[in-house]
Amino acid sequence: LIITFGWTFDPQYHLLIMQVIWAIGISMIIMGMLVLLPYKWMLALGIIIVAGHNILNYSVVNESLKGGLWADLLYFADFSTYQIFKGHYIIIIYSFVPWLGIMLLGYCFGRFYGSSFDPGKRRKILIQLGTGLIFLFILLRLLNMYGDPAPWHEQPRGTVYTFLSFLNVNKYPPSLIFFAMTLGPGILFLGLIEKVQNRFTGILNIYGRVPMLYYILHFFIIHTLVVITFYVQGFGNDDIITEGVPFFFKPGGLGFGLPGVWAVWIFVVVILFPVCKWYDKYKTANVRTKPWLSYL
């Protein structure tokens, strides 16, 4: 509900957006039961889900399972919309099953960061794992057979567009190739900066220790900037609600070009740093007496 309001600024909630927070929430509930399993079972289950869920994209399986609310909640959501009651809808952006697989693997991945785990060994594992995922992405994408429901094609407009087609993988729901393409470079980067300790990595650590706080606040800051832009660009109160658009303050013609979007992104990251730094100190000092702080 909080994130939906951050998106829409609609106090009547004509649209309820089921995006990444809902997927994380339901996955955490299920993880509360799965953590009772042995480590190897959790690891195996995570690998099976992440590596095997694209089987559901094959037509025979797809057509027999696809359709309906439960199917979309589990796997097939593609901005699927359902009416709750008159004038109020939910839109399912994130199906949770693939993200449950990632959460399982992330839980297992945490073992590398235990206090007794050798940092040198961890760095080696991270570099090998990240590199392996990058090669897996390239191999599966070149084969163009499994791992993503949208095969790439040579584009008549030239090499650049062919390359973009190669990178254009599925996020809703996330494919195996999407996971390999995004997690591979991230894990490799973690390995490469394992021994690096400077001001820049210190800043990254602060953002990384309070991700949920940043995530929630950035929606409201961005949407507040949208409201300011709305009035600065000459729109009035009669334009707040646009017919057929579930977002308030979103009339046609509002906004900036790509350079303006980049500028807003940088601005939001910068102004949230002092807040994240303060909360990081507060969280570190109080998390033992207030365990709920660990979730924010």
C-alpha atoms as a PDB file:
ATOM      1  CA  LEU A   1       0.000   0.000   0.000  1.00  0.00           C
ATOM      2  CA  ILE A   2       2.826   2.420   0.833  1.00  0.00           C
ATOM      3  CA  ILE A   3       4.656   1.801  -2.432  1.00  0.00           C
ATOM      4  CA  THR A   4       1.443   1.978  -4.459  1.00  0.00           C
ATOM      5  CA  PHE A   5       0.707   5.411  -2.992  1.00  0.00           C
ATOM      6  CA  GLY A   6       4.286   6.453  -3.785  1.00  0.00           C
ATOM      7  CA  TRP A   7       3.627   5.482  -7.406  1.00  0.00           C
ATOM      8  CA  THR A   8       0.147   6.902  -7.864  1.00  0.00           C
ATOM      9  CA  PHE A   9      -0.463   9.575  -5.182  1.00  0.00           C
ATOM     10  CA  ASP A  10      -4.060   8.336  -5.350  1.00  0.00           C
ATOM     11  CA  PRO A  11      -5.519   8.279  -1.795  1.00  0.00           C
ATOM     12  CA  GLN A  12      -8.506   6.211  -2.974  1.00  0.00           C
ATOM     13  CA  TYR A  13      -6.308   3.433  -4.357  1.00  0.00           C
ATOM     14  CA  HIS A  14      -8.081   2.905  -7.649  1.00  0.00           C
ATOM     15  CA  LEU A  15      -5.060   0.813  -8.620  1.00  0.00           C
ATOM     16  CA  LEU A  16      -3.107  -1.506  -6.315  1.00  0.00           C
ATOM     17  CA  ILE A  17       0.312  -2.280  -7.769  1.00  0.00           C
ATOM     18  CA  MET A  18       1.731  -5.690  -6.906  1.00  0.00           C
ATOM     19  CA  GLN A  19       5.376  -5.209  -7.732  1.00  0.00           C
ATOM     20  CA  VAL A  20       8.686  -6.251  -6.217  1.00  0.00           C
ATOM     21  CA  ILE A  21       7.765  -5.597  -2.567  1.00  0.00           C
ATOM     22  CA  TRP A  22       4.833  -8.009  -2.714  1.00  0.00           C
ATOM     23  CA  ALA A  23       7.047 -10.647  -4.356  1.00  0.00           C
ATOM     24  CA  ILE A  24       9.695 -10.199  -1.655  1.00  0.00           C
ATOM     25  CA  GLY A  25       7.070 -10.314   1.087  1.00  0.00           C
ATOM     26  CA  ILE A  26       5.413 -13.567   0.018  1.00  0.00           C
ATOM     27  CA  SER A  27       8.836 -15.096  -0.664  1.00  0.00           C
ATOM     28  CA  MET A  28       9.985 -14.179   2.859  1.00  0.00           C
ATOM     29  CA  ILE A  29       6.900 -15.855   4.325  1.00  0.00           C
ATOM     30  CA  ILE A  30       7.684 -19.034   2.398  1.00  0.00           C
ATOM     31  CA  MET A  31      11.372 -18.728   3.336  1.00  0.00           C
ATOM     32  CA  GLY A  32      10.300 -18.776   6.971  1.00  0.00           C
ATOM     33  CA  MET A  33       9.384 -22.420   6.399  1.00  0.00           C
ATOM     34  CA  LEU A  34      12.117 -23.348   3.922  1.00  0.00           C
ATOM     35  CA  VAL A  35      14.937 -22.283   6.266  1.00  0.00           C
ATOM     36  CA  LEU A  36      14.137 -25.423   8.259  1.00  0.00           C
ATOM     37  CA  LEU A  37      15.533 -27.466   5.348  1.00  0.00           C
ATOM     38  CA  PRO A  38      19.206 -28.466   5.195  1.00  0.00           C
ATOM     39  CA  TYR A  39      21.476 -25.964   3.437  1.00  0.00           C
ATOM     40  CA  LYS A  40      22.106 -28.264   0.459  1.00  0.00           C
ATOM     41  CA  TRP A  41      18.379 -28.780  -0.092  1.00  0.00           C
ATOM     42  CA  MET A  42      17.762 -25.044  -0.102  1.00  0.00           C
ATOM     43  CA  LEU A  43      20.613 -24.539  -2.557  1.00  0.00           C
ATOM     44  CA  ALA A  44      19.328 -27.293  -4.831  1.00  0.00           C
ATOM     45  CA  LEU A  45      15.764 -25.963  -4.727  1.00  0.00           C
ATOM     46  CA  GLY A  46      16.961 -22.452  -5.567  1.00  0.00           C
ATOM     47  CA  ILE A  47      18.984 -23.712  -8.537  1.00  0.00           C
ATOM     48  CA  ILE A  48      16.066 -25.821  -9.798  1.00  0.00           C
ATOM     49  CA  ILE A  49      13.655 -22.866  -9.676  1.00  0.00           C
ATOM     50  CA  VAL A  50      16.021 -20.357 -11.277  1.00  0.00           C
ATOM     51  CA  ALA A  51      17.394 -22.702 -13.929  1.00  0.00           C
ATOM     52  CA  GLY A  52      14.187 -24.586 -14.659  1.00  0.00           C
ATOM     53  CA  HIS A  53      11.298 -22.130 -14.452  1.00  0.00           C
ATOM     54  CA  ASN A  54      11.598 -21.170 -18.135  1.00  0.00           C
ATOM     55  CA  ILE A  55      10.260 -24.624 -19.006  1.00  0.00           C
ATOM     56  CA  LEU A  56       6.883 -23.050 -18.248  1.00  0.00           C
ATOM     57  CA  ASN A  57       7.339 -20.804 -21.276  1.00  0.00           C
ATOM     58  CA  TYR A  58       7.077 -23.712 -23.707  1.00  0.00           C
ATOM     59  CA  SER A  59       3.724 -23.679 -25.449  1.00  0.00           C
ATOM     60  CA  VAL A  60       2.405 -27.054 -24.285  1.00  0.00           C
ATOM     61  CA  VAL A  61       3.050 -26.256 -20.613  1.00  0.00           C
ATOM     62  CA  ASN A  62       2.185 -22.592 -21.013  1.00  0.00           C
ATOM     63  CA  GLU A  63      -1.251 -23.086 -22.520  1.00  0.00           C
ATOM     64  CA  SER A  64      -2.261 -25.725 -19.975  1.00  0.00           C
ATOM     65  CA  LEU A  65      -1.331 -23.595 -16.951  1.00  0.00           C
ATOM     66  CA  LYS A  66      -1.656 -19.998 -18.084  1.00  0.00           C
ATOM     67  CA  GLY A  67      -4.704 -17.936 -17.259  1.00  0.00           C
ATOM     68  CA  GLY A  68      -6.280 -16.696 -14.062  1.00  0.00           C
ATOM     69  CA  LEU A  69      -5.228 -14.872 -10.937  1.00  0.00           C
ATOM     70  CA  TRP A  70      -3.305 -17.697  -9.306  1.00  0.00           C
ATOM     71  CA  ALA A  71      -1.299 -18.461 -12.439  1.00  0.00           C
ATOM     72  CA  ASP A  72      -0.305 -14.796 -12.698  1.00  0.00           C
ATOM     73  CA  LEU A  73       0.609 -14.557  -9.025  1.00  0.00           C
ATOM     74  CA  LEU A  74       2.810 -17.626  -9.312  1.00  0.00           C
ATOM     75  CA  TYR A  75       4.537 -17.120 -12.661  1.00  0.00           C
ATOM     76  CA  PHE A  76       2.714 -15.771 -15.716  1.00  0.00           C
ATOM     77  CA  ALA A  77       2.032 -12.136 -14.759  1.00  0.00           C
ATOM     78  CA  ASP A  78       2.747  -9.643 -17.507  1.00  0.00           C
ATOM     79  CA  PHE A  79       1.218  -6.473 -16.078  1.00  0.00           C
ATOM     80  CA  SER A  80      -1.959  -8.528 -15.636  1.00  0.00           C
ATOM     81  CA  THR A  81      -4.932  -6.495 -14.374  1.00  0.00           C
ATOM     82  CA  TYR A  82      -7.891  -7.712 -12.312  1.00  0.00           C
ATOM     83  CA  GLN A  83     -10.891  -5.822 -10.993  1.00  0.00           C
ATOM     84  CA  ILE A  84     -11.293  -6.059  -7.212  1.00  0.00           C
ATOM     85  CA  PHE A  85     -14.593  -4.191  -7.212  1.00  0.00           C
ATOM     86  CA  LYS A  86     -16.070  -1.405  -9.296  1.00  0.00           C
ATOM     87  CA  GLY A  87     -13.488   1.237 -10.061  1.00  0.00           C
ATOM     88  CA  HIS A  88     -10.663  -0.518  -8.195  1.00  0.00           C
ATOM     89  CA  TYR A  89      -8.085  -2.835  -9.748  1.00  0.00           C
ATOM     90  CA  ILE A  90      -4.889  -4.697  -8.998  1.00  0.00           C
ATOM     91  CA  ILE A  91      -2.066  -4.972 -11.503  1.00  0.00           C
ATOM     92  CA  ILE A  92       0.353  -7.875 -11.049  1.00  0.00           C
ATOM     93  CA  ILE A  93       3.802  -6.874 -12.280  1.00  0.00           C
ATOM     94  CA  TYR A  94       5.918  -9.399 -10.372  1.00  0.00           C
ATOM     95  CA  SER A  95       5.093 -13.091 -10.167  1.00  0.00           C
ATOM     96  CA  PHE A  96       6.867 -14.451  -7.135  1.00  0.00           C
ATOM     97  CA  VAL A  97       8.133 -17.959  -7.976  1.00  0.00           C
ATOM     98  CA  PRO A  98      11.304 -16.905  -9.874  1.00  0.00           C
ATOM     99  CA  TRP A  99      12.119 -14.379  -7.131  1.00  0.00           C
ATOM    100  CA  LEU A 100      11.656 -17.068  -4.480  1.00  0.00           C
ATOM    101  CA  GLY A 101      14.386 -19.013  -6.299  1.00  0.00           C
ATOM    102  CA  ILE A 102      16.674 -15.988  -6.156  1.00  0.00           C
ATOM    103  CA  MET A 103      15.905 -15.480  -2.455  1.00  0.00           C
ATOM    104  CA  LEU A 104      16.843 -19.097  -1.773  1.00  0.00           C
ATOM    105  CA  LEU A 105      20.142 -18.644  -3.597  1.00  0.00           C
ATOM    106  CA  GLY A 106      20.726 -15.313  -1.871  1.00  0.00           C
ATOM    107  CA  TYR A 107      20.179 -16.948   1.514  1.00  0.00           C
ATOM    108  CA  CYS A 108      22.734 -19.610   0.619  1.00  0.00           C
ATOM    109  CA  PHE A 109      25.046 -16.934  -0.825  1.00  0.00           C
ATOM    110  CA  GLY A 110      25.137 -15.302   2.618  1.00  0.00           C
ATOM    111  CA  ARG A 111      27.342 -18.134   3.865  1.00  0.00           C
ATOM    112  CA  PHE A 112      30.235 -16.571   1.930  1.00  0.00           C
ATOM    113  CA  TYR A 113      29.988 -13.525   4.184  1.00  0.00           C
ATOM    114  CA  GLY A 114      30.097 -15.363   7.502  1.00  0.00           C
ATOM    115  CA  SER A 115      32.718 -14.121   9.965  1.00  0.00           C
ATOM    116  CA  SER A 116      34.656 -17.389   9.697  1.00  0.00           C
ATOM    117  CA  PHE A 117      34.774 -17.439   5.880  1.00  0.00           C
ATOM    118  CA  ASP A 118      38.189 -16.628   4.416  1.00  0.00           C
ATOM    119  CA  PRO A 119      38.024 -13.306   2.493  1.00  0.00           C
ATOM    120  CA  GLY A 120      40.585 -14.463  -0.065  1.00  0.00           C
ATOM    121  CA  LYS A 121      38.591 -17.602  -0.789  1.00  0.00           C
ATOM    122  CA  ARG A 122      35.394 -15.539  -1.006  1.00  0.00           C
ATOM    123  CA  ARG A 123      36.971 -13.175  -3.527  1.00  0.00           C
ATOM    124  CA  LYS A 124      38.062 -16.084  -5.699  1.00  0.00           C
ATOM    125  CA  ILE A 125      34.600 -17.689  -5.559  1.00  0.00           C
ATOM    126  CA  LEU A 126      32.853 -14.400  -6.406  1.00  0.00           C
ATOM    127  CA  ILE A 127      35.063 -13.731  -9.421  1.00  0.00           C
ATOM    128  CA  GLN A 128      34.649 -17.281 -10.732  1.00  0.00           C
ATOM    129  CA  LEU A 129      30.898 -17.309 -10.113  1.00  0.00           C
ATOM    130  CA  GLY A 130      30.335 -13.880 -11.664  1.00  0.00           C
ATOM    131  CA  THR A 131      32.445 -14.722 -14.696  1.00  0.00           C
ATOM    132  CA  GLY A 132      30.666 -18.056 -15.075  1.00  0.00           C
ATOM    133  CA  LEU A 133      27.244 -16.390 -15.057  1.00  0.00           C
ATOM    134  CA  ILE A 134      28.346 -13.889 -17.698  1.00  0.00           C
ATOM    135  CA  PHE A 135      29.529 -16.722 -19.942  1.00  0.00           C
ATOM    136  CA  LEU A 136      26.290 -18.604 -19.249  1.00  0.00           C
ATOM    137  CA  PHE A 137      24.335 -15.553 -20.386  1.00  0.00           C
ATOM    138  CA  ILE A 138      26.352 -15.267 -23.601  1.00  0.00           C
ATOM    139  CA  LEU A 139      26.134 -18.995 -24.351  1.00  0.00           C
ATOM    140  CA  LEU A 140      22.396 -19.331 -23.742  1.00  0.00           C
ATOM    141  CA  ARG A 141      21.652 -16.151 -25.656  1.00  0.00           C
ATOM    142  CA  LEU A 142      23.743 -17.251 -28.633  1.00  0.00           C
ATOM    143  CA  LEU A 143      22.014 -20.630 -28.690  1.00  0.00           C
ATOM    144  CA  ASN A 144      18.667 -18.811 -28.653  1.00  0.00           C
ATOM    145  CA  MET A 145      16.862 -21.966 -27.537  1.00  0.00           C
ATOM    146  CA  TYR A 146      16.268 -21.881 -23.781  1.00  0.00           C
ATOM    147  CA  GLY A 147      16.397 -19.422 -20.933  1.00  0.00           C
ATOM    148  CA  ASP A 148      14.252 -16.582 -22.248  1.00  0.00           C
ATOM    149  CA  PRO A 149      10.848 -16.489 -23.990  1.00  0.00           C
ATOM    150  CA  ALA A 150      11.927 -13.689 -26.349  1.00  0.00           C
ATOM    151  CA  PRO A 151      14.623 -14.860 -28.809  1.00  0.00           C
ATOM    152  CA  TRP A 152      16.893 -12.239 -30.303  1.00  0.00           C
ATOM    153  CA  HIS A 153      16.977 -11.548 -34.048  1.00  0.00           C
ATOM    154  CA  GLU A 154      19.295  -9.812 -36.461  1.00  0.00           C
ATOM    155  CA  GLN A 155      17.861  -6.346 -36.998  1.00  0.00           C
ATOM    156  CA  PRO A 156      17.606  -4.641 -40.408  1.00  0.00           C
ATOM    157  CA  ARG A 157      18.613  -1.312 -38.854  1.00  0.00           C
ATOM    158  CA  GLY A 158      22.149  -2.497 -38.185  1.00  0.00           C
ATOM    159  CA  THR A 159      24.553  -3.971 -35.641  1.00  0.00           C
ATOM    160  CA  VAL A 160      23.622  -1.651 -32.785  1.00  0.00           C
ATOM    161  CA  TYR A 161      19.963  -2.690 -32.917  1.00  0.00           C
ATOM    162  CA  THR A 162      20.945  -6.352 -33.243  1.00  0.00           C
ATOM    163  CA  PHE A 163      23.040  -5.958 -30.092  1.00  0.00           C
ATOM    164  CA  LEU A 164      20.100  -4.328 -28.327  1.00  0.00           C
ATOM    165  CA  SER A 165      17.895  -7.239 -29.408  1.00  0.00           C
ATOM    166  CA  PHE A 166      20.508  -9.578 -27.906  1.00  0.00           C
ATOM    167  CA  LEU A 167      20.272  -7.728 -24.590  1.00  0.00           C
ATOM    168  CA  ASN A 168      16.482  -7.425 -24.659  1.00  0.00           C
ATOM    169  CA  VAL A 169      15.638 -10.214 -22.243  1.00  0.00           C
ATOM    170  CA  ASN A 170      12.539 -10.807 -20.157  1.00  0.00           C
ATOM    171  CA  LYS A 171      12.140  -9.339 -16.675  1.00  0.00           C
ATOM    172  CA  TYR A 172       8.389  -9.906 -16.198  1.00  0.00           C
ATOM    173  CA  PRO A 173       8.716 -12.676 -15.155  1.00  0.00           C
ATOM    174  CA  PRO A 174      12.520 -12.707 -14.953  1.00  0.00           C
ATOM    175  CA  SER A 175      14.153 -15.302 -17.153  1.00  0.00           C
ATOM    176  CA  LEU A 176      17.212 -17.420 -16.433  1.00  0.00           C
ATOM    177  CA  ILE A 177      19.131 -15.336 -18.975  1.00  0.00           C
ATOM    178  CA  PHE A 178      17.984 -12.118 -17.280  1.00  0.00           C
ATOM    179  CA  PHE A 179      19.309 -13.406 -13.961  1.00  0.00           C
ATOM    180  CA  ALA A 180      22.629 -14.441 -15.517  1.00  0.00           C
ATOM    181  CA  MET A 181      22.979 -11.103 -17.348  1.00  0.00           C
ATOM    182  CA  THR A 182      22.324  -8.987 -14.251  1.00  0.00           C
ATOM    183  CA  LEU A 183      23.678 -11.051 -11.349  1.00  0.00           C
ATOM    184  CA  GLY A 184      26.840 -12.108 -13.180  1.00  0.00           C
ATOM    185  CA  PRO A 185      28.369  -8.607 -13.496  1.00  0.00           C
ATOM    186  CA  GLY A 186      27.154  -7.724  -9.992  1.00  0.00           C
ATOM    187  CA  ILE A 187      28.803 -10.720  -8.356  1.00  0.00           C
ATOM    188  CA  LEU A 188      31.971 -10.193 -10.414  1.00  0.00           C
ATOM    189  CA  PHE A 189      32.058  -6.554  -9.269  1.00  0.00           C
ATOM    190  CA  LEU A 190      31.735  -7.668  -5.638  1.00  0.00           C
ATOM    191  CA  GLY A 191      34.710  -9.950  -6.105  1.00  0.00           C
ATOM    192  CA  LEU A 192      36.845  -7.296  -7.793  1.00  0.00           C
ATOM    193  CA  ILE A 193      36.270  -4.714  -5.054  1.00  0.00           C
ATOM    194  CA  GLU A 194      36.565  -7.213  -2.189  1.00  0.00           C
ATOM    195  CA  LYS A 195      39.885  -5.731  -1.023  1.00  0.00           C
ATOM    196  CA  VAL A 196      39.163  -2.156  -2.024  1.00  0.00           C
ATOM    197  CA  GLN A 197      38.553   0.167   0.918  1.00  0.00           C
ATOM    198  CA  ASN A 198      38.181   3.842   0.073  1.00  0.00           C
ATOM    199  CA  ARG A 199      35.702   6.683   0.320  1.00  0.00           C
ATOM    200  CA  PHE A 200      33.717   5.501  -2.694  1.00  0.00           C
ATOM    201  CA  THR A 201      33.265   1.943  -1.413  1.00  0.00           C
ATOM    202  CA  GLY A 202      32.339   3.408   1.963  1.00  0.00           C
ATOM    203  CA  ILE A 203      29.521   5.363   0.303  1.00  0.00           C
ATOM    204  CA  LEU A 204      28.344   2.243  -1.535  1.00  0.00           C
ATOM    205  CA  ASN A 205      28.346   0.326   1.754  1.00  0.00           C
ATOM    206  CA  ILE A 206      26.052   2.899   3.355  1.00  0.00           C
ATOM    207  CA  TYR A 207      23.489   2.602   0.568  1.00  0.00           C
ATOM    208  CA  GLY A 208      23.836  -1.182   0.657  1.00  0.00           C
ATOM    209  CA  ARG A 209      23.154  -1.423   4.391  1.00  0.00           C
ATOM    210  CA  VAL A 210      19.855   0.492   4.205  1.00  0.00           C
ATOM    211  CA  PRO A 211      18.364  -0.579   0.841  1.00  0.00           C
ATOM    212  CA  MET A 212      14.712  -0.703   1.904  1.00  0.00           C
ATOM    213  CA  LEU A 213      14.779   2.792   3.387  1.00  0.00           C
ATOM    214  CA  TYR A 214      16.270   4.165   0.172  1.00  0.00           C
ATOM    215  CA  TYR A 215      13.805   2.209  -1.954  1.00  0.00           C
ATOM    216  CA  ILE A 216      10.740   3.521  -0.141  1.00  0.00           C
ATOM    217  CA  LEU A 217      11.870   7.130   0.134  1.00  0.00           C
ATOM    218  CA  HIS A 218      13.004   7.498  -3.469  1.00  0.00           C
ATOM    219  CA  PHE A 219       9.460   6.912  -4.762  1.00  0.00           C
ATOM    220  CA  PHE A 220       8.043   9.733  -2.682  1.00  0.00           C
ATOM    221  CA  ILE A 221      10.862  12.131  -3.506  1.00  0.00           C
ATOM    222  CA  ILE A 222      10.568  11.451  -7.232  1.00  0.00           C
ATOM    223  CA  HIS A 223       6.799  11.775  -7.192  1.00  0.00           C
ATOM    224  CA  THR A 224       7.076  15.017  -5.204  1.00  0.00           C
ATOM    225  CA  LEU A 225       9.401  16.304  -7.915  1.00  0.00           C
ATOM    226  CA  VAL A 226       6.761  15.236 -10.449  1.00  0.00           C
ATOM    227  CA  VAL A 227       4.173  17.386  -8.641  1.00  0.00           C
ATOM    228  CA  ILE A 228       6.545  20.372  -8.644  1.00  0.00           C
ATOM    229  CA  THR A 229       7.280  19.840 -12.346  1.00  0.00           C
ATOM    230  CA  PHE A 230       3.535  19.539 -12.980  1.00  0.00           C
ATOM    231  CA  TYR A 231       2.896  23.076 -11.771  1.00  0.00           C
ATOM    232  CA  VAL A 232       6.140  24.564 -13.105  1.00  0.00           C
ATOM    233  CA  GLN A 233       5.273  23.352 -16.623  1.00  0.00           C
ATOM    234  CA  GLY A 234       1.953  25.151 -16.458  1.00  0.00           C
ATOM    235  CA  PHE A 235      -0.540  22.439 -15.583  1.00  0.00           C
ATOM    236  CA  GLY A 236      -3.384  23.189 -13.175  1.00  0.00           C
ATOM    237  CA  ASN A 237      -5.594  21.410 -10.681  1.00  0.00           C
ATOM    238  CA  ASP A 238      -7.987  20.339 -13.423  1.00  0.00           C
ATOM    239  CA  ASP A 239      -5.150  18.283 -14.919  1.00  0.00           C
ATOM    240  CA  ILE A 240      -4.315  16.286 -11.774  1.00  0.00           C
ATOM    241  CA  ILE A 241      -6.569  13.399 -12.821  1.00  0.00           C
ATOM    242  CA  THR A 242      -6.277  12.172 -16.398  1.00  0.00           C
ATOM    243  CA  GLU A 243      -8.979   9.922 -17.831  1.00  0.00           C
ATOM    244  CA  GLY A 244      -7.736   6.360 -18.161  1.00  0.00           C
ATOM    245  CA  VAL A 245      -4.468   7.056 -16.281  1.00  0.00           C
ATOM    246  CA  PRO A 246      -4.209   5.608 -12.731  1.00  0.00           C
ATOM    247  CA  PHE A 247      -1.435   8.012 -11.714  1.00  0.00           C
ATOM    248  CA  PHE A 248      -2.224  11.469 -10.350  1.00  0.00           C
ATOM    249  CA  PHE A 249      -0.267  14.445 -11.755  1.00  0.00           C
ATOM    250  CA  LYS A 250       0.471  12.597 -15.001  1.00  0.00           C
ATOM    251  CA  PRO A 251      -1.117  14.468 -17.927  1.00  0.00           C
ATOM    252  CA  GLY A 252       0.135  14.032 -21.463  1.00  0.00           C
ATOM    253  CA  GLY A 253       3.140  16.196 -22.265  1.00  0.00           C
ATOM    254  CA  LEU A 254       4.504  16.278 -18.718  1.00  0.00           C
ATOM    255  CA  GLY A 255       8.166  15.538 -18.117  1.00  0.00           C
ATOM    256  CA  PHE A 256      11.701  15.835 -19.452  1.00  0.00           C
ATOM    257  CA  GLY A 257      13.897  14.186 -22.034  1.00  0.00           C
ATOM    258  CA  LEU A 258      16.466  11.538 -21.157  1.00  0.00           C
ATOM    259  CA  PRO A 259      19.130  14.040 -19.893  1.00  0.00           C
ATOM    260  CA  GLY A 260      16.525  15.427 -17.498  1.00  0.00           C
ATOM    261  CA  VAL A 261      15.726  11.915 -16.244  1.00  0.00           C
ATOM    262  CA  TRP A 262      19.437  11.289 -15.591  1.00  0.00           C
ATOM    263  CA  ALA A 263      19.698  14.584 -13.731  1.00  0.00           C
ATOM    264  CA  VAL A 264      16.738  13.687 -11.495  1.00  0.00           C
ATOM    265  CA  TRP A 265      18.225  10.251 -10.821  1.00  0.00           C
ATOM    266  CA  ILE A 266      21.569  11.746  -9.736  1.00  0.00           C
ATOM    267  CA  PHE A 267      19.803  14.396  -7.644  1.00  0.00           C
ATOM    268  CA  VAL A 268      17.727  11.809  -5.774  1.00  0.00           C
ATOM    269  CA  VAL A 269      20.747   9.585  -5.087  1.00  0.00           C
ATOM    270  CA  VAL A 270      22.720  12.545  -3.733  1.00  0.00           C
ATOM    271  CA  ILE A 271      20.030  14.061  -1.498  1.00  0.00           C
ATOM    272  CA  LEU A 272      19.180  10.687   0.026  1.00  0.00           C
ATOM    273  CA  PHE A 273      22.782  10.020   1.081  1.00  0.00           C
ATOM    274  CA  PRO A 274      22.666  12.062   4.330  1.00  0.00           C
ATOM    275  CA  VAL A 275      19.396  10.354   5.290  1.00  0.00           C
ATOM    276  CA  CYS A 276      20.835   6.901   4.559  1.00  0.00           C
ATOM    277  CA  LYS A 277      24.027   7.748   6.479  1.00  0.00           C
ATOM    278  CA  TRP A 278      22.054   8.883   9.541  1.00  0.00           C
ATOM    279  CA  TYR A 279      19.782   5.857   9.458  1.00  0.00           C
ATOM    280  CA  ASP A 280      22.729   3.500   9.004  1.00  0.00           C
ATOM    281  CA  LYS A 281      24.267   4.819  12.241  1.00  0.00           C
ATOM    282  CA  TYR A 282      20.924   4.660  14.049  1.00  0.00           C
ATOM    283  CA  LYS A 283      20.239   1.140  12.797  1.00  0.00           C
ATOM    284  CA  THR A 284      23.702  -0.106  13.796  1.00  0.00           C
ATOM    285  CA  ALA A 285      23.364   1.354  17.288  1.00  0.00           C
ATOM    286  CA  ASN A 286      19.830   0.103  17.964  1.00  0.00           C
ATOM    287  CA  VAL A 287      19.215  -3.061  15.926  1.00  0.00           C
ATOM    288  CA  ARG A 288      19.845  -5.379  18.887  1.00  0.00           C
ATOM    289  CA  THR A 289      17.113  -3.767  20.977  1.00  0.00           C
ATOM    290  CA  LYS A 290      14.855  -3.064  17.974  1.00  0.00           C
ATOM    291  CA  PRO A 291      15.149  -6.094  15.655  1.00  0.00           C
ATOM    292  CA  TRP A 292      12.566  -4.674  13.220  1.00  0.00           C
ATOM    293  CA  LEU A 293      15.186  -2.152  12.108  1.00  0.00           C
ATOM    294  CA  SER A 294      16.991  -4.957  10.251  1.00  0.00           C
ATOM    295  CA  TYR A 295      14.122  -5.082   7.733  1.00  0.00           C
ATOM    296  CA  LEU A 296      14.354  -1.392   6.802  1.00  0.00           C
END
